[in-house]
Every structure is written in structure tokens, then in C-alpha cells.
Amino acid sequence: ADKLYAQIIEADPENDIVYFNAAILHERYTRNFKQALKYLQGYVDSHAGKLSPNDQVFDHIERVNKAQAAEAERKRLEDERKREEEERKRRNMELLGNMSTLITDIESKLSTQAQCFDPMFAEEVSMILEQAKMVVEMEDADLAADIQTMLDAYLPTVEDSIANCAAGGGEAPPVEGEDSDPAAPAPE
């Protein structure tokens, strides 16, 4: 299309419609604002000394400049969004790596200190660990933060259970609602 416009402009340099059509083509469809401005400047140059300051070409030039600025801002925001997404994925992949160590640590504590945990709690933690291992195996960076949050929620309870067990003689603390002495008579 540019070759055709160039041929028409060469044959009739004062053909206003050609300059504007070419500028509109590049402004709206090819989004080549530099080329659109080139055609509009060509119009200004071909009418040197004949244009009033209120000529429509100056409004068109301003519109193209605004569209160019808006497109540049859109691209900047898109690039920033992509950069943030890549950074989030990088952090989550790093989190997955650290999570493997945490999973192994919690599993070790559950097995070596089994007497310190209520069986229901130990089973619950084991299920969470299985989910976490699957996420790590699949390298699912999108779930890493959620799984880490769950592990972080259980870790203090695991640590507290071990600390209470060591202080209390090595037995699991009673489950809430149960009597600590199973041989004691039930209250009436």
C-alpha cells in the first residue's frame, strides 16, 4: 500500500486525500505511528506556506501523537505485567526448592517423634505433605505459595507438639475433648 501511496503522491503531491488516507491506514490499522506522522508531515511540507495554523492536519498530527503515546503506555504496562509474572514464577520455583527441604524436615519429625502427635493430627499433616510433594514433583509454581502457606500453618503445631512432648514425658498430648486418663470413670 505504501508503494501505491508513494506513486500517487509523486504524481500529484497536493492530493490531500492520499496523505490522510495513508496516515489513517498506519494510525489505525498497522499501528505504525512513525509512518502515519511521515505522511502527515509530507502533507505539511507539500503545502508549505499555504496552511493556516488551524488546518485539520495539525489536529490529525496531535491525534496520532496521542495514539502513539497511548500505544507506548499499553506496551509498557504489558511488558511490566510480563516481567512481574516471570518474577512471580521465579520466586515460586525457588519456593518449591525450599519446600522440598521443609517437607523432608516435617516428615522426619513426624516419624522420629511419632509418640508426640495425636494420630488424627499426624494423619492430617501427612495428607498435607503428600499434596505438597505432588506440587513439588510437578513443579507447579502456581500452587507453591498456597502449599507453603498450609505448611507454615502446620509447622508451629508440629514444633509445639514436640516441645510439649519433651517437657511432658514423651507422650502425645490429649486430644481436645478427651480425658487424659482412659481408665478414669466418665463424668455423669
N, C-alpha and C. Protein backbone atom coordinates (compact mmCIF):
# COMPACT_ATOMS: atom_id res chain seq x y z
N ALA A 1 0.83 -1.19 0.00
CA ALA A 1 0.00 0.00 0.00
C ALA A 1 0.88 1.26 0.00
N ASP A 2 2.01 1.21 0.70
CA ASP A 2 2.88 2.39 0.74
C ASP A 2 3.43 2.74 -0.64
N LYS A 3 3.74 1.71 -1.43
CA LYS A 3 4.24 1.98 -2.78
C LYS A 3 3.18 2.69 -3.62
N LEU A 4 1.94 2.24 -3.49
CA LEU A 4 0.85 2.86 -4.24
C LEU A 4 0.66 4.30 -3.79
N TYR A 5 0.65 4.53 -2.48
CA TYR A 5 0.52 5.89 -1.97
C TYR A 5 1.69 6.76 -2.45
N ALA A 6 2.90 6.22 -2.44
CA ALA A 6 4.08 6.98 -2.88
C ALA A 6 3.95 7.35 -4.35
N GLN A 7 3.44 6.42 -5.17
CA GLN A 7 3.27 6.71 -6.60
C GLN A 7 2.23 7.80 -6.81
N ILE A 8 1.13 7.72 -6.09
CA ILE A 8 0.07 8.73 -6.24
C ILE A 8 0.58 10.09 -5.78
N ILE A 9 1.29 10.12 -4.64
CA ILE A 9 1.82 11.39 -4.13
C ILE A 9 2.84 11.96 -5.09
N GLU A 10 3.67 11.12 -5.68
CA GLU A 10 4.66 11.59 -6.65
C GLU A 10 3.97 12.20 -7.87
N ALA A 11 2.88 11.58 -8.31
CA ALA A 11 2.16 12.08 -9.47
C ALA A 11 1.38 13.35 -9.14
N ASP A 12 0.84 13.44 -7.92
CA ASP A 12 0.03 14.60 -7.53
C ASP A 12 0.35 14.96 -6.08
N PRO A 13 1.44 15.69 -5.83
CA PRO A 13 1.88 15.98 -4.47
C PRO A 13 0.89 16.78 -3.63
N GLU A 14 -0.11 17.39 -4.26
CA GLU A 14 -1.07 18.18 -3.49
C GLU A 14 -2.41 17.44 -3.32
N ASN A 15 -2.42 16.15 -3.55
CA ASN A 15 -3.63 15.35 -3.38
C ASN A 15 -3.80 15.07 -1.88
N ASP A 16 -4.61 15.89 -1.26
CA ASP A 16 -4.79 15.85 0.20
C ASP A 16 -5.29 14.49 0.69
N ILE A 17 -6.23 13.92 -0.02
CA ILE A 17 -6.86 12.67 0.39
C ILE A 17 -5.82 11.56 0.56
N VAL A 18 -4.86 11.47 -0.34
CA VAL A 18 -3.86 10.40 -0.30
C VAL A 18 -3.04 10.48 0.99
N TYR A 19 -2.59 11.67 1.35
CA TYR A 19 -1.81 11.84 2.57
C TYR A 19 -2.62 11.37 3.79
N PHE A 20 -3.86 11.84 3.86
CA PHE A 20 -4.69 11.49 5.01
C PHE A 20 -5.07 10.01 5.03
N ASN A 21 -5.39 9.44 3.88
CA ASN A 21 -5.71 8.00 3.83
C ASN A 21 -4.51 7.16 4.27
N ALA A 22 -3.34 7.52 3.79
CA ALA A 22 -2.14 6.78 4.17
C ALA A 22 -1.88 6.93 5.66
N ALA A 23 -2.06 8.13 6.18
CA ALA A 23 -1.86 8.36 7.61
C ALA A 23 -2.86 7.55 8.44
N ILE A 24 -4.12 7.54 8.00
CA ILE A 24 -5.16 6.79 8.72
C ILE A 24 -4.86 5.29 8.68
N LEU A 25 -4.42 4.80 7.53
CA LEU A 25 -4.06 3.38 7.41
C LEU A 25 -3.04 3.00 8.48
N HIS A 26 -1.99 3.79 8.59
CA HIS A 26 -0.93 3.47 9.54
C HIS A 26 -1.31 3.77 10.98
N GLU A 27 -2.11 4.77 11.18
CA GLU A 27 -2.53 5.10 12.56
C GLU A 27 -3.46 4.03 13.12
N ARG A 28 -4.44 3.64 12.36
CA ARG A 28 -5.49 2.76 12.89
C ARG A 28 -5.26 1.28 12.64
N TYR A 29 -4.63 0.92 11.54
CA TYR A 29 -4.58 -0.49 11.18
C TYR A 29 -3.20 -1.13 11.36
N THR A 30 -2.16 -0.47 10.86
CA THR A 30 -0.83 -1.06 11.03
C THR A 30 -0.20 -0.63 12.35
N ARG A 31 -0.76 0.40 12.97
CA ARG A 31 -0.26 0.95 14.24
C ARG A 31 1.20 1.41 14.11
N ASN A 32 1.56 1.81 12.89
CA ASN A 32 2.90 2.34 12.61
C ASN A 32 2.78 3.87 12.65
N PHE A 33 2.87 4.41 13.84
CA PHE A 33 2.63 5.84 14.04
C PHE A 33 3.70 6.70 13.39
N LYS A 34 4.91 6.18 13.36
CA LYS A 34 6.00 6.91 12.72
C LYS A 34 5.68 7.13 11.24
N GLN A 35 5.18 6.07 10.59
CA GLN A 35 4.83 6.17 9.17
C GLN A 35 3.64 7.11 8.98
N ALA A 36 2.66 7.05 9.87
CA ALA A 36 1.50 7.95 9.79
C ALA A 36 1.95 9.40 9.89
N LEU A 37 2.84 9.67 10.86
CA LEU A 37 3.36 11.02 11.02
C LEU A 37 4.18 11.46 9.81
N LYS A 38 4.87 10.52 9.18
CA LYS A 38 5.65 10.83 7.98
C LYS A 38 4.73 11.33 6.86
N TYR A 39 3.59 10.65 6.67
CA TYR A 39 2.64 11.09 5.64
C TYR A 39 2.04 12.45 5.97
N LEU A 40 1.71 12.66 7.24
CA LEU A 40 1.14 13.95 7.62
C LEU A 40 2.17 15.07 7.48
N GLN A 41 3.41 14.78 7.83
CA GLN A 41 4.46 15.78 7.64
C GLN A 41 4.69 16.04 6.15
N GLY A 42 4.57 14.98 5.34
CA GLY A 42 4.66 15.16 3.88
C GLY A 42 3.59 16.09 3.37
N TYR A 43 2.39 15.98 3.94
CA TYR A 43 1.29 16.88 3.57
C TYR A 43 1.66 18.31 3.94
N VAL A 44 2.16 18.49 5.17
CA VAL A 44 2.55 19.83 5.62
C VAL A 44 3.64 20.39 4.71
N ASP A 45 4.64 19.57 4.37
CA ASP A 45 5.74 20.02 3.53
C ASP A 45 5.27 20.37 2.13
N SER A 46 4.34 19.58 1.61
CA SER A 46 3.87 19.84 0.23
C SER A 46 2.98 21.08 0.16
N HIS A 47 2.48 21.51 1.29
CA HIS A 47 1.63 22.70 1.33
C HIS A 47 2.31 23.83 2.11
N ALA A 48 3.63 23.82 2.10
CA ALA A 48 4.40 24.80 2.86
C ALA A 48 3.97 26.22 2.52
N GLY A 49 3.70 26.98 3.56
CA GLY A 49 3.32 28.38 3.39
C GLY A 49 1.85 28.56 3.03
N LYS A 50 1.12 27.49 2.78
CA LYS A 50 -0.28 27.60 2.38
C LYS A 50 -1.24 27.16 3.49
N LEU A 51 -0.72 26.62 4.56
CA LEU A 51 -1.57 26.09 5.62
C LEU A 51 -1.79 27.11 6.73
N SER A 52 -3.03 27.18 7.21
CA SER A 52 -3.30 28.03 8.36
C SER A 52 -2.96 27.22 9.62
N PRO A 53 -2.71 27.90 10.71
CA PRO A 53 -2.41 27.17 11.95
C PRO A 53 -3.58 26.30 12.44
N ASN A 54 -4.77 26.54 11.90
CA ASN A 54 -5.95 25.77 12.30
C ASN A 54 -6.25 24.64 11.32
N ASP A 55 -5.36 24.35 10.41
CA ASP A 55 -5.62 23.31 9.42
C ASP A 55 -5.84 21.96 10.12
N GLN A 56 -6.70 21.15 9.54
CA GLN A 56 -7.04 19.85 10.11
C GLN A 56 -5.83 18.92 10.26
N VAL A 57 -4.79 19.13 9.47
CA VAL A 57 -3.63 18.26 9.55
C VAL A 57 -2.97 18.34 10.94
N PHE A 58 -3.00 19.51 11.55
CA PHE A 58 -2.36 19.67 12.86
C PHE A 58 -3.14 18.92 13.95
N ASP A 59 -4.47 18.93 13.82
CA ASP A 59 -5.30 18.12 14.74
C ASP A 59 -5.01 16.64 14.53
N HIS A 60 -4.85 16.25 13.29
CA HIS A 60 -4.58 14.84 12.97
C HIS A 60 -3.20 14.44 13.53
N ILE A 61 -2.22 15.32 13.37
CA ILE A 61 -0.88 15.04 13.91
C ILE A 61 -0.96 14.87 15.43
N GLU A 62 -1.72 15.74 16.08
CA GLU A 62 -1.87 15.65 17.54
C GLU A 62 -2.56 14.33 17.92
N ARG A 63 -3.57 13.94 17.16
CA ARG A 63 -4.28 12.69 17.44
C ARG A 63 -3.34 11.49 17.28
N VAL A 64 -2.51 11.50 16.24
CA VAL A 64 -1.55 10.40 16.03
C VAL A 64 -0.54 10.37 17.16
N ASN A 65 -0.06 11.53 17.59
CA ASN A 65 0.89 11.58 18.71
C ASN A 65 0.27 11.02 19.99
N LYS A 66 -1.01 11.33 20.24
CA LYS A 66 -1.69 10.79 21.42
C LYS A 66 -1.87 9.28 21.30
N ALA A 67 -2.23 8.81 20.12
CA ALA A 67 -2.39 7.37 19.91
C ALA A 67 -1.05 6.66 20.09
N GLN A 68 0.01 7.29 19.62
CA GLN A 68 1.34 6.71 19.76
C GLN A 68 1.72 6.63 21.24
N ALA A 69 1.44 7.68 21.99
CA ALA A 69 1.74 7.68 23.42
C ALA A 69 0.90 6.63 24.15
N ALA A 70 -0.36 6.50 23.78
CA ALA A 70 -1.23 5.51 24.42
C ALA A 70 -0.73 4.09 24.11
N GLU A 71 -0.31 3.86 22.89
CA GLU A 71 0.22 2.54 22.50
C GLU A 71 1.52 2.25 23.24
N ALA A 72 2.36 3.24 23.38
CA ALA A 72 3.61 3.05 24.12
C ALA A 72 3.32 2.72 25.59
N GLU A 73 2.34 3.38 26.17
CA GLU A 73 1.96 3.10 27.56
C GLU A 73 1.37 1.70 27.69
N ARG A 74 0.53 1.31 26.73
CA ARG A 74 -0.04 -0.04 26.74
C ARG A 74 1.06 -1.09 26.68
N LYS A 75 2.04 -0.88 25.80
CA LYS A 75 3.15 -1.82 25.68
C LYS A 75 3.99 -1.84 26.96
N ARG A 76 4.19 -0.68 27.55
CA ARG A 76 4.96 -0.61 28.79
C ARG A 76 4.26 -1.40 29.90
N LEU A 77 2.95 -1.22 30.01
CA LEU A 77 2.19 -1.94 31.03
C LEU A 77 2.20 -3.44 30.76
N GLU A 78 2.10 -3.83 29.51
CA GLU A 78 2.14 -5.25 29.15
C GLU A 78 3.51 -5.84 29.48
N ASP A 79 4.57 -5.11 29.16
CA ASP A 79 5.92 -5.58 29.49
C ASP A 79 6.11 -5.69 31.00
N GLU A 80 5.57 -4.71 31.73
CA GLU A 80 5.68 -4.74 33.19
C GLU A 80 4.91 -5.94 33.75
N ARG A 81 3.72 -6.20 33.21
CA ARG A 81 2.93 -7.35 33.66
C ARG A 81 3.68 -8.65 33.39
N LYS A 82 4.29 -8.77 32.21
CA LYS A 82 5.06 -9.97 31.87
C LYS A 82 6.26 -10.12 32.80
N ARG A 83 6.93 -9.02 33.07
CA ARG A 83 8.10 -9.05 33.96
C ARG A 83 7.68 -9.48 35.37
N GLU A 84 6.57 -8.93 35.85
CA GLU A 84 6.08 -9.30 37.19
C GLU A 84 5.67 -10.77 37.23
N GLU A 85 5.05 -11.25 36.16
CA GLU A 85 4.65 -12.66 36.10
C GLU A 85 5.88 -13.57 36.11
N GLU A 86 6.91 -13.21 35.35
CA GLU A 86 8.15 -14.00 35.33
C GLU A 86 8.82 -13.98 36.70
N GLU A 87 8.80 -12.84 37.36
CA GLU A 87 9.39 -12.72 38.69
C GLU A 87 8.61 -13.57 39.69
N ARG A 88 7.28 -13.55 39.59
CA ARG A 88 6.45 -14.37 40.48
C ARG A 88 6.75 -15.85 40.27
N LYS A 89 6.86 -16.26 39.01
CA LYS A 89 7.17 -17.66 38.73
C LYS A 89 8.55 -18.05 39.24
N ARG A 90 9.52 -17.14 39.10
CA ARG A 90 10.87 -17.40 39.60
C ARG A 90 10.85 -17.57 41.12
N ARG A 91 10.13 -16.68 41.81
CA ARG A 91 10.04 -16.79 43.27
C ARG A 91 9.35 -18.08 43.67
N ASN A 92 8.30 -18.44 42.95
CA ASN A 92 7.57 -19.67 43.29
C ASN A 92 8.42 -20.92 43.01
N MET A 93 9.23 -20.90 41.96
CA MET A 93 10.11 -22.03 41.69
C MET A 93 11.16 -22.14 42.80
N GLU A 94 11.65 -21.02 43.27
CA GLU A 94 12.59 -21.00 44.39
C GLU A 94 11.90 -21.53 45.65
N LEU A 95 10.65 -21.13 45.82
CA LEU A 95 9.86 -21.60 46.95
C LEU A 95 9.68 -23.11 46.89
N LEU A 96 9.47 -23.66 45.68
CA LEU A 96 9.33 -25.11 45.53
C LEU A 96 10.61 -25.82 45.99
N GLY A 97 11.75 -25.26 45.63
CA GLY A 97 13.02 -25.85 46.04
C GLY A 97 13.16 -25.86 47.56
N ASN A 98 12.82 -24.76 48.19
CA ASN A 98 12.89 -24.68 49.65
C ASN A 98 11.84 -25.58 50.31
N MET A 99 10.73 -25.74 49.63
CA MET A 99 9.64 -26.55 50.17
C MET A 99 10.05 -28.01 50.31
N SER A 100 10.86 -28.51 49.39
CA SER A 100 11.33 -29.90 49.46
C SER A 100 12.03 -30.16 50.78
N THR A 101 12.87 -29.23 51.18
CA THR A 101 13.60 -29.36 52.44
C THR A 101 12.63 -29.34 53.62
N LEU A 102 11.67 -28.45 53.59
CA LEU A 102 10.70 -28.34 54.67
C LEU A 102 9.85 -29.61 54.77
N ILE A 103 9.44 -30.16 53.64
CA ILE A 103 8.65 -31.40 53.64
C ILE A 103 9.44 -32.52 54.29
N THR A 104 10.69 -32.67 53.87
CA THR A 104 11.55 -33.72 54.44
C THR A 104 11.72 -33.53 55.94
N ASP A 105 11.90 -32.29 56.37
CA ASP A 105 12.07 -31.98 57.79
C ASP A 105 10.81 -32.37 58.58
N ILE A 106 9.64 -31.99 58.10
CA ILE A 106 8.40 -32.30 58.82
C ILE A 106 8.15 -33.81 58.83
N GLU A 107 8.39 -34.47 57.70
CA GLU A 107 8.21 -35.93 57.66
C GLU A 107 9.12 -36.62 58.67
N SER A 108 10.35 -36.15 58.75
CA SER A 108 11.30 -36.72 59.70
C SER A 108 10.81 -36.54 61.13
N LYS A 109 10.32 -35.38 61.45
CA LYS A 109 9.82 -35.12 62.80
C LYS A 109 8.61 -35.98 63.10
N LEU A 110 7.72 -36.16 62.12
CA LEU A 110 6.54 -36.99 62.33
C LEU A 110 6.92 -38.44 62.60
N SER A 111 7.94 -38.92 61.90
CA SER A 111 8.30 -40.34 62.09
C SER A 111 9.17 -40.55 63.33
N THR A 112 10.14 -39.68 63.57
CA THR A 112 11.03 -39.90 64.72
C THR A 112 10.38 -39.52 66.04
N GLN A 113 9.39 -38.65 66.01
CA GLN A 113 8.73 -38.20 67.23
C GLN A 113 7.24 -38.60 67.22
N ALA A 114 6.92 -39.72 66.59
CA ALA A 114 5.52 -40.14 66.42
C ALA A 114 4.74 -40.15 67.72
N GLN A 115 5.38 -40.51 68.82
CA GLN A 115 4.69 -40.58 70.10
C GLN A 115 4.20 -39.21 70.57
N CYS A 116 4.72 -38.15 69.98
CA CYS A 116 4.37 -36.80 70.41
C CYS A 116 3.12 -36.25 69.73
N PHE A 117 2.59 -36.98 68.75
CA PHE A 117 1.49 -36.44 67.96
C PHE A 117 0.22 -37.24 68.13
N ASP A 118 -0.88 -36.54 68.20
CA ASP A 118 -2.18 -37.17 68.14
C ASP A 118 -2.29 -37.85 66.77
N PRO A 119 -2.73 -39.08 66.69
CA PRO A 119 -2.79 -39.79 65.40
C PRO A 119 -3.61 -39.05 64.33
N MET A 120 -4.69 -38.42 64.74
CA MET A 120 -5.52 -37.68 63.77
C MET A 120 -4.74 -36.50 63.19
N PHE A 121 -4.02 -35.81 64.07
CA PHE A 121 -3.22 -34.68 63.62
C PHE A 121 -2.10 -35.16 62.70
N ALA A 122 -1.42 -36.23 63.09
CA ALA A 122 -0.33 -36.77 62.27
C ALA A 122 -0.85 -37.17 60.89
N GLU A 123 -2.04 -37.75 60.84
CA GLU A 123 -2.62 -38.14 59.55
C GLU A 123 -2.95 -36.91 58.71
N GLU A 124 -3.49 -35.90 59.35
CA GLU A 124 -3.82 -34.65 58.65
C GLU A 124 -2.55 -34.01 58.05
N VAL A 125 -1.50 -33.94 58.85
CA VAL A 125 -0.24 -33.36 58.39
C VAL A 125 0.33 -34.21 57.25
N SER A 126 0.24 -35.53 57.39
CA SER A 126 0.75 -36.42 56.34
C SER A 126 0.02 -36.19 55.01
N MET A 127 -1.28 -35.94 55.08
CA MET A 127 -2.04 -35.66 53.85
C MET A 127 -1.58 -34.36 53.20
N ILE A 128 -1.36 -33.37 54.03
CA ILE A 128 -0.86 -32.08 53.51
C ILE A 128 0.52 -32.28 52.89
N LEU A 129 1.37 -33.06 53.54
CA LEU A 129 2.70 -33.32 53.00
C LEU A 129 2.63 -34.04 51.66
N GLU A 130 1.69 -34.96 51.51
CA GLU A 130 1.52 -35.67 50.24
C GLU A 130 1.14 -34.69 49.13
N GLN A 131 0.23 -33.78 49.44
CA GLN A 131 -0.15 -32.76 48.46
C GLN A 131 1.05 -31.89 48.10
N ALA A 132 1.80 -31.51 49.12
CA ALA A 132 2.98 -30.67 48.89
C ALA A 132 4.00 -31.39 48.02
N LYS A 133 4.21 -32.68 48.28
CA LYS A 133 5.17 -33.45 47.46
C LYS A 133 4.71 -33.51 46.00
N MET A 134 3.41 -33.67 45.78
CA MET A 134 2.90 -33.70 44.40
C MET A 134 3.15 -32.36 43.70
N VAL A 135 2.93 -31.28 44.41
CA VAL A 135 3.16 -29.95 43.83
C VAL A 135 4.63 -29.78 43.49
N VAL A 136 5.52 -30.22 44.38
CA VAL A 136 6.96 -30.12 44.14
C VAL A 136 7.35 -31.01 42.96
N GLU A 137 6.84 -32.24 42.93
CA GLU A 137 7.15 -33.16 41.82
C GLU A 137 6.73 -32.59 40.48
N MET A 138 5.54 -32.02 40.44
CA MET A 138 5.01 -31.47 39.18
C MET A 138 5.62 -30.11 38.86
N GLU A 139 6.39 -29.57 39.81
CA GLU A 139 6.97 -28.23 39.68
C GLU A 139 5.88 -27.21 39.34
N ASP A 140 4.76 -27.31 40.04
CA ASP A 140 3.62 -26.44 39.83
C ASP A 140 3.82 -25.14 40.60
N ALA A 141 4.48 -24.21 39.95
CA ALA A 141 4.82 -22.94 40.61
C ALA A 141 3.57 -22.15 41.00
N ASP A 142 2.46 -22.35 40.28
CA ASP A 142 1.25 -21.60 40.60
C ASP A 142 0.67 -21.99 41.96
N LEU A 143 0.88 -23.22 42.40
CA LEU A 143 0.35 -23.67 43.68
C LEU A 143 1.35 -23.55 44.83
N ALA A 144 2.59 -23.21 44.51
CA ALA A 144 3.65 -23.19 45.52
C ALA A 144 3.31 -22.30 46.72
N ALA A 145 2.85 -21.10 46.47
CA ALA A 145 2.56 -20.18 47.57
C ALA A 145 1.44 -20.71 48.46
N ASP A 146 0.41 -21.29 47.86
CA ASP A 146 -0.70 -21.83 48.65
C ASP A 146 -0.25 -22.99 49.53
N ILE A 147 0.53 -23.88 48.94
CA ILE A 147 1.02 -25.04 49.70
C ILE A 147 1.95 -24.57 50.82
N GLN A 148 2.80 -23.61 50.52
CA GLN A 148 3.72 -23.09 51.54
C GLN A 148 2.94 -22.49 52.70
N THR A 149 1.85 -21.81 52.39
CA THR A 149 1.01 -21.23 53.44
C THR A 149 0.45 -22.32 54.34
N MET A 150 -0.01 -23.42 53.74
CA MET A 150 -0.53 -24.54 54.54
C MET A 150 0.57 -25.15 55.40
N LEU A 151 1.75 -25.35 54.82
CA LEU A 151 2.86 -25.92 55.61
C LEU A 151 3.24 -24.99 56.76
N ASP A 152 3.27 -23.70 56.47
CA ASP A 152 3.60 -22.73 57.52
C ASP A 152 2.57 -22.74 58.64
N ALA A 153 1.33 -23.06 58.31
CA ALA A 153 0.29 -23.11 59.33
C ALA A 153 0.45 -24.33 60.24
N TYR A 154 0.95 -25.45 59.69
CA TYR A 154 1.09 -26.67 60.48
C TYR A 154 2.42 -26.75 61.23
N LEU A 155 3.46 -26.13 60.70
CA LEU A 155 4.79 -26.24 61.30
C LEU A 155 4.84 -25.83 62.77
N PRO A 156 4.24 -24.70 63.16
CA PRO A 156 4.30 -24.34 64.60
C PRO A 156 3.64 -25.40 65.49
N THR A 157 2.55 -26.01 65.02
CA THR A 157 1.88 -27.03 65.81
C THR A 157 2.75 -28.27 65.95
N VAL A 158 3.44 -28.63 64.87
CA VAL A 158 4.36 -29.77 64.92
C VAL A 158 5.46 -29.46 65.93
N GLU A 159 6.05 -28.29 65.85
CA GLU A 159 7.12 -27.89 66.77
C GLU A 159 6.62 -27.86 68.21
N ASP A 160 5.43 -27.29 68.42
CA ASP A 160 4.86 -27.22 69.78
C ASP A 160 4.60 -28.62 70.34
N SER A 161 4.09 -29.50 69.48
CA SER A 161 3.82 -30.87 69.95
C SER A 161 5.10 -31.56 70.41
N ILE A 162 6.17 -31.37 69.67
CA ILE A 162 7.45 -31.98 70.05
C ILE A 162 7.96 -31.35 71.34
N ALA A 163 7.88 -30.02 71.44
CA ALA A 163 8.35 -29.33 72.65
C ALA A 163 7.52 -29.75 73.87
N ASN A 164 6.21 -29.84 73.73
CA ASN A 164 5.34 -30.25 74.85
C ASN A 164 5.57 -31.70 75.21
N CYS A 165 5.84 -32.51 74.22
CA CYS A 165 6.08 -33.93 74.45
C CYS A 165 7.37 -34.11 75.26
N ALA A 166 8.41 -33.39 74.88
CA ALA A 166 9.69 -33.49 75.58
C ALA A 166 9.54 -33.01 77.02
N ALA A 167 8.75 -31.98 77.23
CA ALA A 167 8.55 -31.43 78.57
C ALA A 167 7.61 -32.30 79.40
N GLY A 168 6.73 -33.04 78.74
CA GLY A 168 5.72 -33.79 79.46
C GLY A 168 6.00 -35.27 79.57
N GLY A 169 7.17 -35.74 79.25
CA GLY A 169 7.49 -37.14 79.44
C GLY A 169 7.39 -38.00 78.20
N GLY A 170 7.22 -37.42 77.05
CA GLY A 170 7.30 -38.20 75.82
C GLY A 170 6.01 -38.80 75.33
N GLU A 171 4.86 -38.31 75.80
CA GLU A 171 3.60 -38.84 75.30
C GLU A 171 2.84 -37.76 74.55
N ALA A 172 2.01 -38.21 73.66
CA ALA A 172 1.20 -37.27 72.88
C ALA A 172 0.24 -36.54 73.80
N PRO A 173 0.05 -35.26 73.57
CA PRO A 173 -0.91 -34.52 74.39
C PRO A 173 -2.31 -35.04 74.10
N PRO A 174 -3.22 -34.94 75.08
CA PRO A 174 -4.58 -35.43 74.85
C PRO A 174 -5.27 -34.61 73.76
N VAL A 175 -6.14 -35.29 73.05
CA VAL A 175 -6.93 -34.61 72.02
C VAL A 175 -8.01 -33.83 72.73
N GLU A 176 -8.31 -32.67 72.24
CA GLU A 176 -9.30 -31.80 72.85
C GLU A 176 -10.62 -32.56 73.02
N GLY A 177 -11.19 -32.52 74.20
CA GLY A 177 -12.46 -33.19 74.46
C GLY A 177 -12.28 -34.59 75.03
N GLU A 178 -11.06 -35.11 75.08
CA GLU A 178 -10.81 -36.44 75.64
C GLU A 178 -10.21 -36.28 77.03
N ASP A 179 -10.43 -37.30 77.86
CA ASP A 179 -9.79 -37.30 79.17
C ASP A 179 -8.35 -37.76 79.00
N SER A 180 -7.50 -37.27 79.83
CA SER A 180 -6.10 -37.69 79.74
C SER A 180 -5.90 -39.08 80.32
N ASP A 181 -6.79 -39.53 81.17
CA ASP A 181 -6.66 -40.88 81.76
C ASP A 181 -7.82 -41.74 81.24
N PRO A 182 -7.51 -42.71 80.34
CA PRO A 182 -8.59 -43.51 79.77
C PRO A 182 -9.26 -44.41 80.80
N ALA A 183 -8.61 -44.74 81.92
CA ALA A 183 -9.19 -45.61 82.94
C ALA A 183 -10.11 -44.86 83.88
N ALA A 184 -10.10 -43.55 83.85
CA ALA A 184 -10.91 -42.73 84.76
C ALA A 184 -12.38 -42.88 84.38
N PRO A 185 -13.24 -42.89 85.38
CA PRO A 185 -14.67 -43.01 85.10
C PRO A 185 -15.20 -41.78 84.37
N ALA A 186 -16.16 -42.00 83.47
CA ALA A 186 -16.75 -40.91 82.69
C ALA A 186 -17.61 -40.05 83.59
N PRO A 187 -17.57 -38.73 83.40
CA PRO A 187 -18.40 -37.86 84.22
C PRO A 187 -19.88 -38.06 83.88
N GLU A 188 -20.73 -37.89 84.89
CA GLU A 188 -22.17 -38.09 84.67
C GLU A 188 -22.84 -36.84 84.22
